[in-house]
Structures are given as C-alpha cells and as structure tokens.
Amino acid sequence: MAEGEAKPTFDWMPEGMEALADGEYDAIVMGTGLKECVISGLLSVNGLKVLHVDRNNYYGADCASLNLTNLFAKFQAGEVPSYLGANRDYNVDLIPKLIMACGDLTKMLLHSKVTRYLEFKSIDGSYVYKGQKILKVPATPEEALKSSLMGLFEKRRFRKFLIYIDQYDAAKPETHEGRDLNKMTMRELYNDFGLVAETHEFISHAMCLQTDEKHLDEPAASTVKELQTYCYSLARYGTSPYIYPIYGLGGLPEGFSRLCAIHGGTFMLNRDVDEITYGEDGKANGIKCGNELARAKMVIGDPSYFPRDKVRPTGQVARCICFLNHPIANTNDSESVQIIIPGPQVGRHNDVFVCSVSSAHCVSAKGVYIAIVSTKMEGSDPEKELSPGLALLGNILQRFTSVATTYEPVSDGTEDNCFVSASFDGSSHFENDVADMLSLYKRVTGKELDMNINADSVEADY
C-alpha cells in the first residue's frame, strides 16, 4: 500500500479501528524465525496472500545472527571489548545449528530455490567425545579401519555394517539380507553384526544423530535412513557431512522472506501482536496490533505469539556462546567443527553439542572462533549442564549463557486455525527441526511437501 494512500475499510471492522496493511489475507504468520519464514515462503509460492509480522526490528527471531553491538545489548553485557575487532565482521547465531549436506533442509532450500540467495561452505570436521578424548567420526569403510574409536576386530565388524547400510534399499528386498528393519530393532541390528555397546553409542549419537537411547528398542528402519543420510552427506563433501551458510544462519530466514516478498507477501517488522482474534465459531480469524486489525483464514507462528493454553512446555535448553582466540584442541586446528558428547559418556541422559565456526564462514573477525555449547537441561544449573562441552574449549575470551524454555503446540491447529511451530531443540543440527517444519506445512496445507528432489543438485561447489 503506497504511503499516503487511504487505508481500506471493511464491513467487519469495528468502529475506531483501522486495517493493518491490506486488512485481509489468506494467512498471517507471526515471527520471522526459520520455520515461520519457510512456511510463509512456500505458502506465497502456492499463491496465498500472506502477511508476516515480527515484534523485533530484525529478521530471524530466536534464530537471528547478530553483530557484536546487538549481541552485547541482547545479553546486557556492557561495552564491546576492542580486542574482538570490527562490529561488521560478526554474524553470531543465537541458535547455532549445522545443516546436513544431503538432508531435508537442503532439499527444502533447493525445492524453493532459496539457494540462489545464499552461499554455503562445508564444515571441516565431525567429532565424537569418547573416553575423555575427542575423536574423529569415521563414516567410510576406509576411515573406519584407521579410527582409534575401536579395536581391530571391531573395525572389521563396523566396516561390514557400513557396507550393509550403504547398499540397503527399503524398496529392494534383495539388499535386506533376510532382515526386516520394520520389525528388527536398532539394538538387534547392531548385535546382528556383533558390534559392542560402545560402538552402538557413537554410531547412534554421532552419525544417526539420536539424542537419547529410546531408538535402540524401536524398529531400525528410520534410524538406518538417518545413518544413510549422514554417510551420503559425508561422501558428497568429504571433510564432514555438514554445511553452513556464509554470514551465518540468519541468511536462511531472510532468504525465505525474500521468496515470500517476491510472490507478493507483506512484511512488517517492529510490530508486536496484542492479541489473536477469533470468530463466533472459536476459530482464529486475525490479529490485533494497537488500533489496527487484519483478518485471515489461518494464523501461524512460533509459541511466543500464542496464549499459554495453545502451547505446553517440553523442557529447557541451555546454550553458551563463547568467543575463543584459538581453534578447539584435538580437532586438527579446524576452522569449523562439530563435536557430539554422547550423554552416557558424561553421566547424562541427553547429549551435549559443541559447534565452532570462524572467519572462514564470515561470522567473526580473523583469529576469533565462535564456539557454542548446547544441551537439554536435566537440572537447574546451566553451567553444570554445559560443563562437559565448555571443558573442551580451553581459554574463553567472552561467554554468553542463556536458558530457554521449549514449547510445542497442544493441538494440530485444524480445530481453531492456530498453527504453532515447536521451539528449536538443543542439538547443533536441524534434523529434528526439519521434521517439525514438514509437519507444520502438512497441518497448514493438508498436503505433504514434495521432497522428491536430489540434494546433489545443489548448484554451488562447497
């Protein structure tokens, strides 16, 4: 709507109220986090008229990438020390996560062609913590034979297991070797290859990206699929299975926002939502911001925009953003790295995640490394919960610790037209969060998102 143009009027508009933007939309999306931006982008591509609002004056919500000034202001940390260098060199993720190179998020980026707005670079290494040591995760038969994670005979069994996983195809019974992975549990599959419990642990946590032990007694099919994605991603780029955007993760929601805007979406930053409005049928039909109203057939957003009766807490996640002046020890001086600390290795149920990035990805000044430690809280002391990861970092120049309560929707949204995303989890990868995005898309549209795209068709050379 052009500046100075009269605002539209509607029969449903109460006296004294004005239209918010164009007033009527197919969908209103609240919050510019990645999940919400993916949905608004895809809906606009499908021809829906979308209004997208955010209470912040920047894109990204909880998964924004901030410069030094904004980061220190957010954590009320005082003046920015001069030794950290120029403000413009920093893009620090509030929720740091790595992208599986051939996983579903990459497919989403390709499906929507958002890759044209972004540049990616591979992560240097993937490591696992075992027996108080940081060890590289092998994911090829050749690497397995050199790994110090296992003894000689276990290496041979592991190699045989990986060869089976590599050739396994659910649609081709001749590759199953008599195993029904829809019935056989993951524990039974490991045992069938003679692998010991310690090997189960590092495969499940560092390669299949399971965060606890529940999957061991569930059918193996889904875990095997995750392992295949990991191995496929590693084979694609060689150093690790992960990629990460140049200039930080904040580029992801911005890319999907651009997609939405190109297809006619309206964006309004610095605009808080006072309330969600409902019709006589009890279904959400719009939002109120001050004396302005907008109507829509559905309201979508992150949990922070909805009343407490629409969401339930699922736990808490502790995160610590640390600035270092050195790479993490025992990672081959890698400029970027992921380390997974399986919970059982440090007396915990939930894993502790460490990821480190640097100027190689244009997120910090040269010589400064940004390491982020995260985990799901099991007690009340975040320092204690994060200590296994913090202990690996060495000297820390500056740190910012946060604890966030995570939420999920109490219903699927079909009865009240309130479609709520779940909070981001405490892992350092997007695999579980992508499952929530796909679920949200199906709940909103009633259709599965077509993911039949080859992740190898990505256009850039990483």
Protein backbone atom coordinates (compact mmCIF):
# COMPACT_ATOMS: atom_id res chain seq x y z
CA MET A 1 0.00 0.00 0.00
CA ALA A 2 1.54 3.32 -1.09
CA GLU A 3 2.36 5.94 1.52
CA GLY A 4 -0.46 8.45 1.96
CA GLU A 5 -2.99 6.11 0.35
CA ALA A 6 -6.26 5.74 2.28
CA LYS A 7 -6.49 2.55 4.32
CA PRO A 8 -9.08 0.04 3.10
CA THR A 9 -12.34 -0.32 5.04
CA PHE A 10 -14.32 -3.48 5.69
CA ASP A 11 -17.79 -4.35 6.98
CA TRP A 12 -16.23 -6.40 9.77
CA MET A 13 -14.02 -3.55 11.03
CA PRO A 14 -15.14 -2.28 14.49
CA GLU A 15 -15.56 1.47 14.93
CA GLY A 16 -12.33 3.25 15.87
CA MET A 17 -10.12 0.51 14.38
CA GLU A 18 -8.08 0.59 11.18
CA ALA A 19 -6.88 -2.04 8.74
CA LEU A 20 -3.42 -3.48 9.33
CA ALA A 21 -1.68 -3.25 5.92
CA ASP A 22 -4.20 -4.54 3.31
CA GLY A 23 -6.57 -5.82 6.00
CA GLU A 24 -7.50 -9.20 4.52
CA TYR A 25 -5.15 -12.14 3.87
CA ASP A 26 -5.18 -15.88 3.34
CA ALA A 27 -2.63 -16.40 6.11
CA ILE A 28 -1.00 -14.32 8.85
CA VAL A 29 2.42 -15.51 10.05
CA MET A 30 3.87 -14.25 13.35
CA GLY A 31 7.62 -14.30 13.96
CA THR A 32 10.39 -14.39 11.34
CA GLY A 33 12.15 -17.47 12.69
CA LEU A 34 13.31 -20.03 10.15
CA LYS A 35 10.25 -22.28 10.47
CA GLU A 36 7.82 -19.40 10.04
CA CYS A 37 9.75 -17.95 7.08
CA VAL A 38 9.85 -21.35 5.36
CA ILE A 39 6.07 -21.63 5.72
CA SER A 40 5.33 -18.05 4.54
CA GLY A 41 7.68 -18.51 1.59
CA LEU A 42 6.09 -21.78 0.50
CA LEU A 43 2.52 -20.50 1.01
CA SER A 44 3.19 -17.41 -1.09
CA VAL A 45 4.70 -19.56 -3.86
CA ASN A 46 1.44 -21.56 -3.73
CA GLY A 47 -0.47 -18.34 -4.49
CA LEU A 48 -1.70 -17.42 -0.99
CA LYS A 49 -1.78 -13.80 0.16
CA VAL A 50 0.46 -13.66 3.26
CA LEU A 51 1.01 -11.03 5.99
CA HIS A 52 4.16 -11.67 8.04
CA VAL A 53 4.79 -9.70 11.26
CA ASP A 54 7.57 -9.72 13.87
CA ARG A 55 7.94 -7.88 17.18
CA ASN A 56 11.68 -7.41 16.56
CA ASN A 57 13.30 -4.90 14.21
CA TYR A 58 15.36 -7.67 12.55
CA TYR A 59 14.65 -10.91 10.73
CA GLY A 60 15.29 -14.31 12.31
CA ALA A 61 13.56 -14.08 15.73
CA ASP A 62 15.29 -16.61 18.01
CA CYS A 63 17.48 -17.90 15.16
CA ALA A 64 18.82 -14.50 14.08
CA SER A 65 22.51 -13.78 13.50
CA LEU A 66 23.61 -10.65 15.39
CA ASN A 67 26.58 -8.31 15.11
CA LEU A 68 28.66 -7.54 18.21
CA THR A 69 26.70 -4.45 19.24
CA ASN A 70 23.34 -6.23 19.11
CA LEU A 71 24.72 -9.36 20.77
CA PHE A 72 26.18 -7.46 23.74
CA ALA A 73 22.96 -5.42 24.01
CA LYS A 74 20.78 -8.55 24.00
CA PHE A 75 22.76 -10.12 26.85
CA GLN A 76 23.24 -6.76 28.64
CA ALA A 77 26.99 -7.41 28.60
CA GLY A 78 28.17 -3.79 28.60
CA GLU A 79 30.70 -2.30 26.20
CA VAL A 80 32.12 -4.40 23.37
CA PRO A 81 35.85 -5.03 24.06
CA SER A 82 38.12 -3.58 21.36
CA TYR A 83 40.18 -6.79 21.04
CA LEU A 84 37.23 -8.51 19.31
CA GLY A 85 37.71 -6.32 16.24
CA ALA A 86 35.19 -4.66 13.94
CA ASN A 87 31.45 -4.90 14.56
CA ARG A 88 30.79 -5.56 10.86
CA ASP A 89 32.87 -8.77 10.91
CA TYR A 90 30.43 -10.59 13.19
CA ASN A 91 27.27 -12.59 12.49
CA VAL A 92 26.73 -14.58 15.69
CA ASP A 93 23.91 -17.15 15.68
CA LEU A 94 21.61 -17.09 18.71
CA ILE A 95 20.64 -20.71 18.00
CA PRO A 96 23.64 -22.27 16.26
CA LYS A 97 22.96 -25.27 14.05
CA LEU A 98 24.66 -27.02 11.16
CA ILE A 99 22.92 -28.27 8.03
CA MET A 100 23.17 -31.88 6.87
CA ALA A 101 24.53 -31.54 3.34
CA CYS A 102 22.09 -34.02 1.81
CA GLY A 103 19.36 -33.78 4.43
CA ASP A 104 15.81 -32.46 4.26
CA LEU A 105 16.65 -28.80 4.96
CA THR A 106 18.97 -28.77 1.93
CA LYS A 107 16.11 -30.28 -0.10
CA MET A 108 13.80 -27.50 1.14
CA LEU A 109 16.34 -24.88 0.09
CA LEU A 110 16.59 -26.46 -3.34
CA HIS A 111 12.83 -27.04 -3.69
CA SER A 112 12.16 -23.35 -3.03
CA LYS A 113 15.25 -22.15 -4.96
CA VAL A 114 16.34 -20.14 -1.89
CA THR A 115 19.88 -21.40 -2.64
CA ARG A 116 20.14 -18.59 -5.22
CA TYR A 117 20.28 -16.08 -2.33
CA LEU A 118 22.81 -17.93 -0.18
CA GLU A 119 26.34 -19.28 -0.32
CA PHE A 120 27.41 -22.29 1.73
CA LYS A 121 30.68 -23.81 2.84
CA SER A 122 31.34 -27.25 4.31
CA ILE A 123 32.27 -27.77 7.97
CA ASP A 124 35.85 -29.03 8.42
CA GLY A 125 35.25 -31.96 10.75
CA SER A 126 32.76 -34.08 12.71
CA TYR A 127 33.96 -35.47 16.05
CA VAL A 128 32.68 -37.52 18.97
CA TYR A 129 33.76 -37.49 22.61
CA LYS A 130 34.70 -40.91 23.96
CA GLY A 131 36.77 -41.91 26.98
CA GLN A 132 37.71 -38.27 27.71
CA LYS A 133 39.09 -37.82 24.19
CA ILE A 134 37.87 -36.01 21.07
CA LEU A 135 37.93 -38.48 18.17
CA LYS A 136 37.02 -38.06 14.50
CA VAL A 137 33.86 -39.88 13.44
CA PRO A 138 34.55 -42.40 10.67
CA ALA A 139 31.78 -42.81 8.13
CA THR A 140 33.51 -44.71 5.32
CA PRO A 141 34.91 -48.22 5.44
CA GLU A 142 38.41 -46.83 4.79
CA GLU A 143 38.20 -44.29 7.63
CA ALA A 144 36.83 -46.96 9.94
CA LEU A 145 39.98 -49.07 9.56
CA LYS A 146 42.16 -46.12 10.68
CA SER A 147 39.93 -44.98 13.55
CA SER A 148 41.10 -45.20 17.17
CA LEU A 149 37.46 -45.41 18.28
CA MET A 150 37.57 -49.21 18.00
CA GLY A 151 39.84 -52.20 18.27
CA LEU A 152 40.97 -54.14 15.20
CA PHE A 153 38.24 -56.80 15.14
CA GLU A 154 35.52 -54.24 15.94
CA LYS A 155 36.74 -52.14 12.99
CA ARG A 156 36.14 -55.06 10.66
CA ARG A 157 32.63 -55.58 12.03
CA PHE A 158 31.93 -51.84 11.74
CA ARG A 159 33.17 -51.82 8.14
CA LYS A 160 30.89 -54.76 7.30
CA PHE A 161 27.97 -52.91 8.97
CA LEU A 162 28.63 -49.72 6.94
CA ILE A 163 28.79 -51.70 3.67
CA TYR A 164 25.39 -53.21 4.51
CA ILE A 165 23.94 -49.76 5.30
CA ASP A 166 25.36 -48.31 2.08
CA GLN A 167 23.74 -50.95 -0.16
CA TYR A 168 20.46 -51.27 1.80
CA ASP A 169 17.38 -50.13 -0.12
CA ALA A 170 13.97 -50.48 1.55
CA ALA A 171 12.35 -50.98 -1.88
CA LYS A 172 14.72 -53.81 -2.89
CA PRO A 173 14.31 -56.96 -0.74
CA GLU A 174 17.47 -58.47 -2.27
CA THR A 175 19.50 -55.85 -0.31
CA HIS A 176 17.91 -56.75 3.05
CA GLU A 177 19.90 -59.98 3.58
CA GLY A 178 16.90 -61.52 5.33
CA ARG A 179 16.42 -58.65 7.81
CA ASP A 180 13.08 -56.85 8.19
CA LEU A 181 14.08 -53.44 9.56
CA ASN A 182 10.44 -52.53 10.15
CA LYS A 183 10.40 -55.23 12.84
CA MET A 184 14.05 -55.66 13.87
CA THR A 185 15.11 -53.07 16.47
CA MET A 186 18.24 -50.98 16.11
CA ARG A 187 19.80 -52.82 19.04
CA GLU A 188 19.11 -56.16 17.36
CA LEU A 189 20.64 -54.89 14.11
CA TYR A 190 23.81 -53.77 15.90
CA ASN A 191 24.02 -57.11 17.72
CA ASP A 192 23.43 -59.00 14.46
CA PHE A 193 26.72 -57.53 13.20
CA GLY A 194 28.46 -58.31 16.51
CA LEU A 195 29.01 -54.62 17.36
CA VAL A 196 29.67 -53.82 21.04
CA ALA A 197 27.66 -51.33 23.11
CA GLU A 198 30.31 -48.57 22.82
CA THR A 199 30.10 -48.76 19.03
CA HIS A 200 26.28 -48.63 19.20
CA GLU A 201 26.69 -45.41 21.16
CA PHE A 202 28.92 -43.47 18.78
CA ILE A 203 27.07 -44.63 15.63
CA SER A 204 23.68 -43.68 17.11
CA HIS A 205 24.70 -40.36 18.64
CA ALA A 206 27.40 -39.04 16.30
CA MET A 207 26.16 -40.40 12.96
CA CYS A 208 22.43 -41.17 13.26
CA LEU A 209 22.11 -38.00 15.43
CA GLN A 210 19.93 -39.67 18.04
CA THR A 211 19.94 -37.67 21.28
CA ASP A 212 18.99 -40.45 23.73
CA GLU A 213 18.67 -44.27 23.89
CA LYS A 214 14.95 -44.74 23.06
CA HIS A 215 15.60 -45.54 19.39
CA LEU A 216 17.58 -48.68 20.29
CA ASP A 217 14.39 -50.59 21.09
CA GLU A 218 12.36 -49.21 18.18
CA PRO A 219 12.28 -50.57 14.59
CA ALA A 220 15.61 -49.87 12.91
CA ALA A 221 14.28 -48.55 9.57
CA SER A 222 14.10 -44.83 10.44
CA THR A 223 17.48 -44.80 12.23
CA VAL A 224 19.11 -46.58 9.28
CA LYS A 225 17.67 -43.95 6.94
CA GLU A 226 19.27 -41.22 9.11
CA LEU A 227 22.60 -43.05 9.01
CA GLN A 228 22.40 -43.30 5.22
CA THR A 229 21.79 -39.53 5.01
CA TYR A 230 24.86 -38.91 7.19
CA CYS A 231 27.09 -41.21 5.10
CA TYR A 232 25.72 -39.83 1.82
CA SER A 233 26.33 -36.25 3.01
CA LEU A 234 29.87 -37.09 4.09
CA ALA A 235 30.65 -38.76 0.77
CA ARG A 236 29.31 -35.67 -1.03
CA TYR A 237 31.71 -33.17 0.57
CA GLY A 238 34.49 -35.28 2.10
CA THR A 239 35.53 -33.43 5.26
CA SER A 240 32.24 -33.68 7.19
CA PRO A 241 28.55 -34.19 6.39
CA TYR A 242 27.65 -30.61 7.37
CA ILE A 243 27.40 -27.31 5.52
CA TYR A 244 26.84 -23.82 6.91
CA PRO A 245 25.87 -20.51 5.27
CA ILE A 246 28.45 -17.81 4.71
CA TYR A 247 27.48 -14.91 7.05
CA GLY A 248 25.60 -17.21 9.45
CA LEU A 249 22.21 -18.85 9.79
CA GLY A 250 20.37 -15.52 9.76
CA GLY A 251 20.56 -15.72 5.97
CA LEU A 252 18.15 -18.68 5.93
CA PRO A 253 15.02 -16.90 7.24
CA GLU A 254 16.00 -13.82 5.20
CA GLY A 255 16.18 -15.98 2.05
CA PHE A 256 12.69 -17.43 2.60
CA SER A 257 11.40 -13.93 3.49
CA ARG A 258 12.69 -12.69 0.16
CA LEU A 259 10.93 -15.60 -1.56
CA CYS A 260 7.67 -14.62 0.16
CA ALA A 261 8.07 -10.93 -0.72
CA ILE A 262 8.81 -11.71 -4.39
CA HIS A 263 5.49 -13.60 -4.52
CA GLY A 264 3.51 -10.73 -3.02
CA GLY A 265 3.91 -11.29 0.73
CA THR A 266 3.75 -8.28 3.08
CA PHE A 267 6.34 -7.95 5.89
CA MET A 268 6.03 -5.75 8.96
CA LEU A 269 8.93 -5.69 11.44
CA ASN A 270 8.89 -3.95 14.84
CA ARG A 271 5.18 -4.78 15.10
CA ASP A 272 4.05 -6.67 18.20
CA VAL A 273 0.80 -8.62 18.20
CA ASP A 274 -1.52 -7.61 21.06
CA GLU A 275 -3.94 -10.46 20.53
CA ILE A 276 -5.19 -13.12 18.16
CA THR A 277 -8.84 -12.57 17.25
CA TYR A 278 -11.45 -15.32 16.97
CA GLY A 279 -14.80 -15.68 15.22
CA GLU A 280 -18.02 -16.91 16.81
CA ASP A 281 -17.07 -20.44 15.73
CA GLY A 282 -13.99 -20.31 18.02
CA LYS A 283 -11.56 -20.27 15.10
CA ALA A 284 -8.75 -17.73 14.77
CA ASN A 285 -9.57 -15.14 12.13
CA GLY A 286 -6.89 -12.47 12.52
CA ILE A 287 -4.64 -10.36 14.73
CA LYS A 288 -4.86 -7.03 16.55
CA CYS A 289 -1.87 -4.66 16.76
CA GLY A 290 -2.73 -1.49 18.65
CA ASN A 291 -5.77 0.01 16.90
CA GLU A 292 -5.13 -2.00 13.72
CA LEU A 293 -6.71 -5.29 12.68
CA ALA A 294 -6.01 -7.84 9.95
CA ARG A 295 -8.15 -10.84 9.06
CA ALA A 296 -7.04 -14.20 7.67
CA LYS A 297 -8.22 -17.77 7.23
CA MET A 298 -5.39 -19.04 9.44
CA VAL A 299 -2.84 -17.75 11.95
CA ILE A 300 0.64 -19.32 12.06
CA GLY A 301 3.52 -18.54 14.40
CA ASP A 302 6.11 -19.52 16.96
CA PRO A 303 4.97 -20.36 20.52
CA SER A 304 5.84 -16.90 21.93
CA TYR A 305 2.96 -15.29 20.00
CA PHE A 306 0.23 -17.60 21.32
CA PRO A 307 -1.55 -17.68 24.71
CA ARG A 308 -0.37 -20.35 27.15
CA ASP A 309 -3.45 -22.53 26.57
CA LYS A 310 -2.29 -23.14 22.98
CA VAL A 311 1.18 -24.49 23.90
CA ARG A 312 2.80 -26.72 26.50
CA PRO A 313 6.39 -26.67 27.81
CA THR A 314 8.63 -29.56 26.74
CA GLY A 315 11.73 -28.72 28.79
CA GLN A 316 14.56 -26.22 28.78
CA VAL A 317 17.64 -25.79 26.57
CA ALA A 318 20.89 -24.26 27.84
CA ARG A 319 23.22 -22.57 25.36
CA CYS A 320 26.54 -20.82 25.82
CA ILE A 321 28.06 -18.69 23.05
CA CYS A 322 31.83 -18.48 23.57
CA PHE A 323 34.48 -16.35 21.84
CA LEU A 324 37.88 -18.06 21.58
CA ASN A 325 41.23 -16.90 20.18
CA HIS A 326 42.19 -20.42 19.09
CA PRO A 327 40.66 -23.48 17.41
CA ILE A 328 39.34 -26.23 19.70
CA ALA A 329 42.18 -28.55 20.73
CA ASN A 330 42.45 -32.04 19.19
CA THR A 331 40.35 -31.12 16.13
CA ASN A 332 43.26 -30.79 13.69
CA ASP A 333 43.16 -26.96 14.02
CA SER A 334 39.82 -26.97 12.20
CA GLU A 335 38.28 -23.59 11.42
CA SER A 336 34.83 -25.16 11.81
CA VAL A 337 33.81 -28.30 13.64
CA GLN A 338 31.04 -30.21 15.36
CA ILE A 339 31.66 -32.31 18.47
CA ILE A 340 28.95 -34.54 19.92
CA ILE A 341 29.32 -35.65 23.53
CA PRO A 342 27.00 -38.67 24.00
CA GLY A 343 25.12 -38.28 27.27
CA PRO A 344 26.21 -41.67 28.70
CA GLN A 345 29.88 -40.63 28.29
CA VAL A 346 29.42 -37.88 30.91
CA GLY A 347 26.72 -39.41 33.11
CA ARG A 348 23.77 -37.72 31.37
CA HIS A 349 20.64 -38.84 29.52
CA ASN A 350 20.89 -36.08 26.87
CA ASP A 351 23.83 -35.34 24.59
CA VAL A 352 25.92 -32.18 24.83
CA PHE A 353 26.66 -30.46 21.49
CA VAL A 354 29.62 -28.25 20.58
CA CYS A 355 29.92 -26.46 17.27
CA SER A 356 32.59 -23.97 16.29
CA VAL A 357 32.77 -21.58 13.33
CA SER A 358 35.12 -18.73 12.46
CA SER A 359 36.11 -16.11 9.92
CA ALA A 360 36.20 -18.88 7.32
CA HIS A 361 32.38 -18.59 7.27
CA CYS A 362 32.46 -14.77 7.65
CA VAL A 363 30.89 -14.82 11.12
CA SER A 364 33.79 -13.39 13.16
CA ALA A 365 36.96 -11.32 12.90
CA LYS A 366 40.10 -13.16 11.77
CA GLY A 367 41.65 -15.08 14.66
CA VAL A 368 38.38 -15.23 16.66
CA TYR A 369 36.46 -18.51 16.86
CA ILE A 370 32.81 -18.74 17.94
CA ALA A 371 32.07 -21.97 19.81
CA ILE A 372 28.58 -22.71 21.05
CA VAL A 373 27.75 -25.40 23.60
CA SER A 374 24.14 -26.56 23.96
CA THR A 375 22.13 -29.28 25.66
CA LYS A 376 18.69 -30.10 27.02
CA MET A 377 18.57 -29.21 30.72
CA GLU A 378 18.30 -32.08 33.21
CA GLY A 379 18.73 -29.97 36.36
CA SER A 380 18.65 -26.29 37.29
CA ASP A 381 22.30 -25.20 36.86
CA PRO A 382 23.14 -24.36 33.20
CA GLU A 383 26.90 -24.07 33.92
CA LYS A 384 26.94 -27.61 35.30
CA GLU A 385 24.85 -28.93 32.40
CA LEU A 386 27.15 -27.36 29.82
CA SER A 387 30.43 -28.09 31.65
CA PRO A 388 31.39 -31.21 29.60
CA GLY A 389 31.36 -29.06 26.44
CA LEU A 390 32.88 -25.93 27.99
CA ALA A 391 35.79 -28.03 29.32
CA LEU A 392 36.85 -28.82 25.72
CA LEU A 393 37.17 -25.17 24.68
CA GLY A 394 40.27 -24.04 26.59
CA ASN A 395 40.65 -20.32 27.27
CA ILE A 396 37.38 -18.40 26.68
CA LEU A 397 37.57 -14.67 25.89
CA GLN A 398 33.88 -13.94 26.37
CA ARG A 399 30.78 -16.02 27.01
CA PHE A 400 27.01 -15.53 26.86
CA THR A 401 24.82 -18.12 28.60
CA SER A 402 21.08 -18.46 28.09
CA VAL A 403 18.35 -20.85 29.18
CA ALA A 404 15.21 -21.07 27.04
CA THR A 405 12.02 -22.96 27.80
CA THR A 406 10.92 -25.00 24.79
CA TYR A 407 7.28 -25.39 23.77
CA GLU A 408 5.14 -27.43 21.43
CA PRO A 409 1.51 -26.93 20.31
CA VAL A 410 -1.22 -28.70 22.31
CA SER A 411 -3.17 -29.46 19.12
CA ASP A 412 -2.60 -29.68 15.37
CA GLY A 413 -4.46 -26.42 14.64
CA THR A 414 -7.24 -27.83 12.47
CA GLU A 415 -9.96 -27.05 15.04
CA ASP A 416 -9.01 -23.43 15.84
CA ASN A 417 -6.90 -22.37 12.81
CA CYS A 418 -3.96 -21.65 15.15
CA PHE A 419 -0.92 -23.39 13.68
CA VAL A 420 2.01 -23.29 16.11
CA SER A 421 5.58 -24.38 15.43
CA ALA A 422 7.63 -26.15 18.10
CA SER A 423 10.66 -24.46 19.68
CA PHE A 424 14.12 -25.31 18.34
CA ASP A 425 15.74 -28.20 20.20
CA GLY A 426 19.12 -28.24 21.94
CA SER A 427 21.03 -30.11 19.24
CA SER A 428 23.56 -28.50 16.90
CA HIS A 429 21.84 -29.72 13.71
CA PHE A 430 18.47 -29.15 12.04
CA GLU A 431 17.28 -32.73 11.51
CA ASN A 432 14.60 -32.80 14.25
CA ASP A 433 13.54 -29.22 13.50
CA VAL A 434 13.03 -30.01 9.81
CA ALA A 435 10.62 -32.80 10.80
CA ASP A 436 8.60 -30.15 12.67
CA MET A 437 8.67 -27.83 9.63
CA LEU A 438 7.35 -30.62 7.38
CA SER A 439 4.64 -31.41 9.96
CA LEU A 440 3.68 -27.72 10.18
CA TYR A 441 3.45 -27.47 6.38
CA LYS A 442 1.18 -30.53 6.24
CA ARG A 443 -1.04 -29.21 9.06
CA VAL A 444 -1.40 -25.83 7.35
CA THR A 445 -1.95 -27.04 3.77
CA GLY A 446 -3.28 -30.57 4.26
CA LYS A 447 -0.57 -31.80 1.85
CA GLU A 448 2.89 -33.29 2.19
CA LEU A 449 5.70 -31.07 0.91
CA ASP A 450 7.21 -32.67 -2.18
CA MET A 451 10.72 -33.66 -1.08
CA ASN A 452 11.49 -35.77 -4.15
CA ILE A 453 14.47 -33.68 -5.12
CA ASN A 454 18.05 -34.88 -5.19
CA ALA A 455 20.18 -32.96 -2.68
CA ASP A 456 23.10 -33.47 -5.08
CA SER A 457 21.55 -30.97 -7.48
CA VAL A 458 22.74 -28.05 -5.35
CA GLU A 459 24.36 -25.54 -7.68
CA ALA A 460 27.40 -24.35 -5.72
CA ASP A 461 30.70 -26.07 -5.19
CA TYR A 462 31.30 -26.34 -1.46
